[in-house]
Amino acid sequence: MNNSNSFIKSILVLTVGGIILVLFLTVPNWFVSAATRLSPREIIQLRLDVFRTEGLLVGGSLLLAGLYLVYRRLRTIERHLEVQRDGQMAERISRAVEQLVSYKTEVQLGGIFTLERIARESAEDHWSVMEILTAYVRENAHWEGEANDSSRQPNGVFSGAPTGRDKGSRPSVAIQAILSVIGRRNWLEKEFEEGRLINLRKTNLEKLDLRGLNLAGANLRGVNLEGANLVEANLAGAFLGEANLRNANLTRANLQQAVLIDASLQGANLREANLQGAQLTGAHLEKAFLVDAKVDFTNFLGASLERAHLGGVSLRRTNLNNAILNRAKYDYETEFPEWIDRELREQLNMQLAQ
């Protein structure tokens, strides 16, 4: 087959070359035969001019053909290099995943940080790496709430790997490292454009250090973040329905437009947190610390704010219908909607902090 193709190409090249040669030799005669009033010297000069023009045309054509062939060759080399690179990248990812499921913490960490490098270097492989890491967390730090059987063993693609938490223990060092990698990932605009969302639903992230990490828009439904450090974390637009955030530190965290329906935030520190537009319908915020928090257009419908600290908070543009405010604490800078007057505050035993 290759010999046949080579023969056909040779015939085509010879045919085209022959046509060009014939034209090169005959075209000058056409011009000369048309020029009947020229002297012999002028005819010779005309022939030379035509030959020169033909030479330029042929040379230019050959140059263009050469450039095209070079371009084709470069494209072939580029495709070959891409195939090589894809193969090498797939091999790197495969080796890193093997490290990730190791029983040795130091080997796991090596695999995690190798995957992070791959995700940073390659926009094409970025999301694949994020899916590998989040799948590992979901399988090895699974959480079904307080009734969860913590002796449950992981299954699925990472079967045989060490669990992210043992009975009564905190998530492992590997889980902490993975969350740090996810929280500082790049290519965020590409994720947004493609509608990609980090999925960590129903995972146990108890007491993890998640300071300043970017989990905007993440699916964190039913996640256990009890006692977690989320200072200045970006959780804007995240789905935290039914999440456990008891005693979590959310100081200056961004929770704009976040969904926290039926979430547990008892004792959580939300000082200076941005809760604008957040949905907290039915949420539990007993004894939560909301001093100087931004709650414009926040929905506290049916939420419990019993004994919550509301110093410096403006509640004028907040939905507090059916909210429980018994014994909540406020100060002189707290702004209430008109219907929560002094008399109602006294009926609810709300306390003015001195």
Protein backbone atom coordinates (compact mmCIF):
# COMPACT_ATOMS: atom_id res chain seq x y z
CA MET A 1 0.00 0.00 0.00
CA ASN A 2 2.83 2.42 0.92
CA ASN A 3 4.71 1.56 -2.31
CA SER A 4 1.56 2.22 -4.34
CA ASN A 5 1.07 5.63 -2.67
CA SER A 6 4.72 6.54 -3.27
CA PHE A 7 4.43 5.58 -6.96
CA ILE A 8 1.29 7.72 -7.40
CA LYS A 9 2.97 10.69 -5.69
CA SER A 10 6.03 10.31 -7.96
CA ILE A 11 3.83 10.28 -11.08
CA LEU A 12 2.01 13.42 -9.89
CA VAL A 13 5.28 15.24 -9.15
CA LEU A 14 6.72 14.34 -12.58
CA THR A 15 3.50 15.39 -14.33
CA VAL A 16 3.35 18.76 -12.56
CA GLY A 17 7.08 19.29 -13.18
CA GLY A 18 6.66 18.51 -16.87
CA ILE A 19 3.77 20.94 -17.22
CA ILE A 20 5.78 23.70 -15.53
CA LEU A 21 8.79 23.03 -17.80
CA VAL A 22 6.65 23.15 -20.95
CA LEU A 23 5.05 26.41 -19.85
CA PHE A 24 8.43 27.84 -18.92
CA LEU A 25 9.74 27.20 -22.45
CA THR A 26 6.65 28.07 -24.49
CA VAL A 27 5.27 31.15 -22.75
CA PRO A 28 8.13 33.44 -23.95
CA ASN A 29 7.35 32.42 -27.55
CA TRP A 30 3.73 33.52 -27.07
CA PHE A 31 4.85 37.00 -26.07
CA VAL A 32 7.44 37.22 -28.87
CA SER A 33 4.99 36.09 -31.58
CA ALA A 34 2.54 38.75 -30.42
CA ALA A 35 5.21 41.47 -30.58
CA THR A 36 5.54 41.90 -34.37
CA ARG A 37 6.98 45.46 -34.39
CA LEU A 38 9.95 44.92 -32.06
CA SER A 39 13.57 44.97 -33.13
CA PRO A 40 15.76 41.85 -32.62
CA ARG A 41 17.40 43.47 -29.56
CA GLU A 42 13.98 44.30 -28.07
CA ILE A 43 12.79 40.73 -28.73
CA ILE A 44 15.83 39.33 -26.88
CA GLN A 45 15.17 41.73 -23.99
CA LEU A 46 11.51 40.70 -23.95
CA ARG A 47 12.48 37.03 -23.78
CA LEU A 48 14.83 37.75 -20.87
CA ASP A 49 12.12 39.71 -19.04
CA VAL A 50 9.61 36.90 -19.49
CA PHE A 51 12.16 34.29 -18.35
CA ARG A 52 12.98 36.43 -15.31
CA THR A 53 9.29 36.82 -14.43
CA GLU A 54 8.74 33.10 -14.89
CA GLY A 55 11.73 32.39 -12.68
CA LEU A 56 10.33 34.61 -9.95
CA LEU A 57 6.93 32.94 -10.23
CA VAL A 58 8.39 29.44 -10.17
CA GLY A 59 10.74 30.35 -7.31
CA GLY A 60 7.90 31.87 -5.32
CA SER A 61 5.75 28.82 -5.96
CA LEU A 62 8.54 26.49 -4.88
CA LEU A 63 9.10 28.60 -1.76
CA LEU A 64 5.41 28.44 -0.88
CA ALA A 65 5.36 24.71 -1.53
CA GLY A 66 8.44 24.30 0.66
CA LEU A 67 6.87 26.34 3.46
CA TYR A 68 3.72 24.25 3.23
CA LEU A 69 5.74 21.03 3.44
CA VAL A 70 7.64 22.40 6.43
CA TYR A 71 4.33 23.33 8.07
CA ARG A 72 2.95 19.83 7.43
CA ARG A 73 6.11 18.34 8.88
CA LEU A 74 5.92 20.54 11.97
CA ARG A 75 2.26 19.64 12.48
CA THR A 76 3.13 15.95 12.25
CA ILE A 77 5.91 16.41 14.80
CA GLU A 78 3.58 18.42 17.04
CA ARG A 79 0.91 15.71 16.93
CA HIS A 80 3.53 13.09 17.68
CA LEU A 81 4.76 15.11 20.66
CA GLU A 82 1.17 15.57 21.89
CA VAL A 83 0.62 11.82 21.76
CA GLN A 84 3.90 11.30 23.59
CA ARG A 85 2.98 13.93 26.17
CA ASP A 86 -0.49 12.45 26.71
CA GLY A 87 1.06 9.05 27.25
CA GLN A 88 3.62 10.43 29.68
CA MET A 89 0.95 12.43 31.54
CA ALA A 90 -1.30 9.38 31.82
CA GLU A 91 1.64 7.41 33.19
CA ARG A 92 2.42 10.15 35.73
CA ILE A 93 -1.21 10.24 36.88
CA SER A 94 -1.32 6.45 37.14
CA ARG A 95 1.85 6.36 39.26
CA ALA A 96 0.54 9.17 41.48
CA VAL A 97 -2.76 7.33 42.07
CA GLU A 98 -0.79 4.22 43.04
CA GLN A 99 1.02 6.34 45.62
CA LEU A 100 -2.25 7.86 46.80
CA VAL A 101 -3.67 4.47 47.84
CA SER A 102 -0.51 3.45 49.67
CA TYR A 103 -0.63 2.61 53.39
CA LYS A 104 2.34 4.88 54.07
CA THR A 105 1.46 8.51 54.75
CA GLU A 106 4.67 9.87 53.22
CA VAL A 107 4.03 7.94 50.00
CA GLN A 108 0.44 9.19 49.90
CA LEU A 109 1.60 12.78 50.29
CA GLY A 110 4.07 12.32 47.43
CA GLY A 111 1.23 11.14 45.19
CA ILE A 112 -1.02 14.02 46.25
CA PHE A 113 1.56 16.70 45.52
CA THR A 114 2.47 15.05 42.21
CA LEU A 115 -1.18 15.26 41.22
CA GLU A 116 -1.22 18.91 42.27
CA ARG A 117 1.75 19.66 40.00
CA ILE A 118 0.03 17.92 37.10
CA ALA A 119 -3.17 19.91 37.70
CA ARG A 120 -1.23 23.18 37.78
CA GLU A 121 0.81 22.41 34.66
CA SER A 122 -2.00 21.07 32.48
CA ALA A 123 -5.37 22.75 31.99
CA GLU A 124 -6.52 19.64 30.08
CA ASP A 125 -5.75 17.31 33.00
CA HIS A 126 -6.72 19.73 35.77
CA TRP A 127 -10.30 18.57 36.22
CA SER A 128 -9.40 14.87 35.97
CA VAL A 129 -7.01 15.37 38.89
CA MET A 130 -9.67 17.22 40.91
CA GLU A 131 -12.11 14.36 40.33
CA ILE A 132 -9.52 11.82 41.47
CA LEU A 133 -8.82 13.77 44.66
CA THR A 134 -12.46 14.46 45.52
CA ALA A 135 -13.40 10.83 44.82
CA TYR A 136 -10.68 9.73 47.24
CA VAL A 137 -12.08 12.02 49.95
CA ARG A 138 -15.66 10.84 49.38
CA GLU A 139 -14.62 7.20 49.58
CA ASN A 140 -12.18 7.44 52.47
CA ALA A 141 -13.80 10.14 54.61
CA HIS A 142 -17.44 9.28 54.07
CA TRP A 143 -19.96 10.75 56.52
CA GLU A 144 -23.59 9.83 57.07
CA GLY A 145 -24.28 12.09 60.05
CA GLU A 146 -24.24 11.32 63.74
CA ALA A 147 -25.95 7.98 63.19
CA ASN A 148 -23.16 7.00 60.81
CA ASP A 149 -21.41 3.70 61.41
CA SER A 150 -17.84 4.95 61.60
CA SER A 151 -16.45 1.47 61.18
CA ARG A 152 -17.67 1.43 57.58
CA GLN A 153 -14.94 0.42 55.17
CA PRO A 154 -14.50 2.25 51.88
CA ASN A 155 -15.32 0.63 48.61
CA GLY A 156 -15.20 1.49 44.94
CA VAL A 157 -12.23 2.61 42.88
CA PHE A 158 -10.01 3.10 45.89
CA SER A 159 -10.88 -0.18 47.61
CA GLY A 160 -8.00 -1.37 49.77
CA ALA A 161 -6.69 2.12 50.52
CA PRO A 162 -6.33 3.27 54.12
CA THR A 163 -9.48 4.94 55.42
CA GLY A 164 -9.56 8.68 55.85
CA ARG A 165 -10.72 8.22 59.42
CA ASP A 166 -10.93 5.37 61.85
CA LYS A 167 -13.63 4.98 64.47
CA GLY A 168 -13.71 8.10 66.61
CA SER A 169 -10.73 9.71 64.85
CA ARG A 170 -10.22 12.87 62.83
CA PRO A 171 -9.67 12.76 59.06
CA SER A 172 -6.20 11.59 58.05
CA VAL A 173 -3.18 13.66 57.07
CA ALA A 174 -3.84 12.69 53.44
CA ILE A 175 -7.37 14.12 53.59
CA GLN A 176 -6.02 17.39 55.04
CA ALA A 177 -3.42 17.57 52.25
CA ILE A 178 -6.01 16.90 49.56
CA LEU A 179 -8.32 19.64 50.87
CA SER A 180 -5.40 22.07 50.87
CA VAL A 181 -4.62 21.17 47.25
CA ILE A 182 -8.26 21.57 46.21
CA GLY A 183 -8.57 24.87 48.05
CA ARG A 184 -5.58 26.47 46.34
CA ARG A 185 -6.16 25.05 42.86
CA ASN A 186 -5.83 27.19 39.72
CA TRP A 187 -7.80 27.17 36.43
CA LEU A 188 -10.88 28.39 38.37
CA GLU A 189 -12.20 30.39 35.41
CA LYS A 190 -12.02 27.30 33.21
CA GLU A 191 -13.97 25.33 35.84
CA PHE A 192 -16.62 28.05 35.96
CA GLU A 193 -16.92 28.25 32.17
CA GLU A 194 -17.35 24.48 31.93
CA GLY A 195 -19.80 24.32 34.86
CA ARG A 196 -17.49 22.14 36.96
CA LEU A 197 -18.24 21.91 40.70
CA ILE A 198 -16.13 20.39 43.46
CA ASN A 199 -18.12 17.50 44.98
CA LEU A 200 -17.35 16.78 48.64
CA ARG A 201 -20.88 15.94 49.75
CA LYS A 202 -21.27 13.83 52.90
CA THR A 203 -17.59 13.84 53.79
CA ASN A 204 -15.98 14.06 57.23
CA LEU A 205 -13.77 17.17 57.33
CA GLU A 206 -13.99 17.61 61.09
CA LYS A 207 -11.43 19.99 62.63
CA LEU A 208 -9.48 20.38 59.39
CA ASP A 209 -7.46 23.52 58.72
CA LEU A 210 -9.18 25.10 55.72
CA ARG A 211 -8.10 28.70 56.26
CA GLY A 212 -8.36 30.88 53.17
CA LEU A 213 -9.20 27.98 50.87
CA ASN A 214 -11.40 28.45 47.81
CA LEU A 215 -14.44 26.18 47.86
CA ALA A 216 -16.77 28.58 46.07
CA GLY A 217 -19.75 26.83 44.51
CA ALA A 218 -18.72 23.46 45.94
CA ASN A 219 -21.24 20.72 46.72
CA LEU A 220 -20.84 20.31 50.49
CA ARG A 221 -24.26 18.91 51.27
CA GLY A 222 -24.32 16.99 54.54
CA VAL A 223 -20.59 17.56 55.11
CA ASN A 224 -19.15 17.38 58.64
CA LEU A 225 -17.09 20.53 59.28
CA GLU A 226 -17.48 20.54 63.04
CA GLY A 227 -14.68 22.53 64.66
CA ALA A 228 -13.05 23.20 61.27
CA ASN A 229 -10.93 26.31 60.76
CA LEU A 230 -12.52 28.20 57.86
CA VAL A 231 -11.14 31.66 58.60
CA GLU A 232 -11.39 33.78 55.42
CA ALA A 233 -12.41 30.74 53.38
CA ASN A 234 -14.35 31.37 50.17
CA LEU A 235 -17.64 29.46 50.31
CA ALA A 236 -19.60 31.83 48.09
CA GLY A 237 -22.45 30.01 46.38
CA ALA A 238 -21.52 26.71 48.04
CA PHE A 239 -24.26 24.20 48.82
CA LEU A 240 -24.06 23.41 52.54
CA GLY A 241 -27.57 22.12 53.14
CA GLU A 242 -27.75 19.89 56.25
CA ALA A 243 -24.04 20.48 56.88
CA ASN A 244 -22.58 20.22 60.37
CA LEU A 245 -20.66 23.42 61.15
CA ARG A 246 -20.91 23.31 64.93
CA ASN A 247 -18.14 25.32 66.59
CA ALA A 248 -16.52 25.97 63.21
CA ASN A 249 -14.45 29.14 62.89
CA LEU A 250 -15.87 31.12 59.96
CA THR A 251 -14.37 34.49 60.85
CA ARG A 252 -14.41 36.76 57.77
CA ALA A 253 -15.48 33.82 55.61
CA ASN A 254 -17.29 34.57 52.35
CA LEU A 255 -20.69 32.85 52.40
CA GLN A 256 -22.45 35.10 49.90
CA GLN A 257 -25.35 33.29 48.22
CA ALA A 258 -24.41 30.08 50.03
CA VAL A 259 -27.18 27.57 50.73
CA LEU A 260 -27.22 26.53 54.41
CA ILE A 261 -30.77 25.19 54.67
CA ASP A 262 -31.16 23.07 57.83
CA ALA A 263 -27.44 23.45 58.54
CA SER A 264 -26.11 23.14 62.10
CA LEU A 265 -24.08 26.20 63.13
CA GLN A 266 -24.41 26.01 66.91
CA GLY A 267 -21.54 27.86 68.54
CA ALA A 268 -19.99 28.74 65.17
CA ASN A 269 -17.82 31.86 64.98
CA LEU A 270 -19.18 34.01 62.15
CA ARG A 271 -17.57 37.27 63.19
CA GLU A 272 -17.36 39.65 60.20
CA ALA A 273 -18.50 36.85 57.91
CA ASN A 274 -20.27 37.80 54.68
CA LEU A 275 -23.68 36.09 54.66
CA GLN A 276 -25.33 38.43 52.18
CA GLY A 277 -28.01 36.64 50.19
CA ALA A 278 -27.35 33.33 51.96
CA GLN A 279 -30.19 30.86 52.52
CA LEU A 280 -30.39 29.74 56.18
CA THR A 281 -33.98 28.48 56.26
CA GLY A 282 -34.39 26.20 59.26
CA ALA A 283 -30.72 26.51 60.20
CA HIS A 284 -29.56 26.13 63.80
CA LEU A 285 -27.45 29.06 65.00
CA GLU A 286 -27.88 28.68 68.75
CA LYS A 287 -25.05 30.50 70.55
CA ALA A 288 -23.48 31.38 67.19
CA PHE A 289 -21.21 34.44 67.20
CA LEU A 290 -22.39 36.79 64.44
CA VAL A 291 -20.82 40.04 65.65
CA ASP A 292 -20.33 42.51 62.75
CA ALA A 293 -21.48 39.91 60.22
CA LYS A 294 -23.02 41.12 56.93
CA VAL A 295 -26.53 39.72 56.59
CA ASP A 296 -28.22 41.93 54.00
CA PHE A 297 -30.94 39.93 52.19
CA THR A 298 -30.04 36.83 54.19
CA ASN A 299 -32.94 34.40 54.64
CA PHE A 300 -33.30 33.26 58.28
CA LEU A 301 -36.83 31.92 57.74
CA GLY A 302 -37.60 29.55 60.63
CA ALA A 303 -33.96 29.58 61.74
CA SER A 304 -33.01 29.36 65.41
CA LEU A 305 -30.85 32.24 66.65
CA GLU A 306 -31.45 31.49 70.31
CA ARG A 307 -28.67 32.99 72.47
CA ALA A 308 -26.81 34.06 69.31
CA HIS A 309 -24.52 37.10 69.53
CA LEU A 310 -25.81 39.80 67.16
CA GLY A 311 -23.67 42.78 68.14
CA GLY A 312 -23.12 45.29 65.33
CA VAL A 313 -25.37 43.37 62.93
CA SER A 314 -27.90 45.15 60.72
CA LEU A 315 -31.02 42.98 60.45
CA ARG A 316 -33.19 45.55 58.68
CA ARG A 317 -33.02 43.86 55.26
CA THR A 318 -33.06 40.32 56.59
CA ASN A 319 -35.90 37.79 56.49
CA LEU A 320 -36.53 36.81 60.13
CA ASN A 321 -40.04 35.40 59.68
CA ASN A 322 -40.65 32.59 62.19
CA ALA A 323 -37.05 32.87 63.36
CA ILE A 324 -36.33 32.06 67.02
CA LEU A 325 -34.57 34.99 68.73
CA ASN A 326 -35.09 34.06 72.37
CA ARG A 327 -32.29 35.29 74.65
CA ALA A 328 -30.24 36.48 71.69
CA LYS A 329 -27.62 39.11 72.60
CA TYR A 330 -27.33 42.47 70.86
CA ASP A 331 -25.67 45.85 71.41
CA TYR A 332 -26.41 49.50 70.68
CA GLU A 333 -25.12 49.10 67.11
CA THR A 334 -27.46 46.23 66.28
CA GLU A 335 -30.19 47.32 63.85
CA PHE A 336 -33.55 45.52 63.95
CA PRO A 337 -36.48 45.70 61.53
CA GLU A 338 -39.30 47.89 62.81
CA TRP A 339 -41.48 44.99 63.96
CA ILE A 340 -38.82 43.80 66.42
CA ASP A 341 -39.33 46.68 68.81
CA ARG A 342 -38.20 47.05 72.40
CA GLU A 343 -41.35 45.42 73.75
CA LEU A 344 -40.91 42.31 71.61
CA ARG A 345 -37.23 42.09 72.52
CA GLU A 346 -38.20 42.10 76.19
CA GLN A 347 -40.81 39.40 75.59
CA LEU A 348 -38.14 37.26 73.93
CA ASN A 349 -35.73 37.91 76.81
CA MET A 350 -33.21 39.30 74.36
CA GLN A 351 -30.21 40.70 76.19
CA LEU A 352 -28.52 44.04 75.62
CA ALA A 353 -24.77 43.50 75.94
CA GLN A 354 -23.02 46.18 77.98
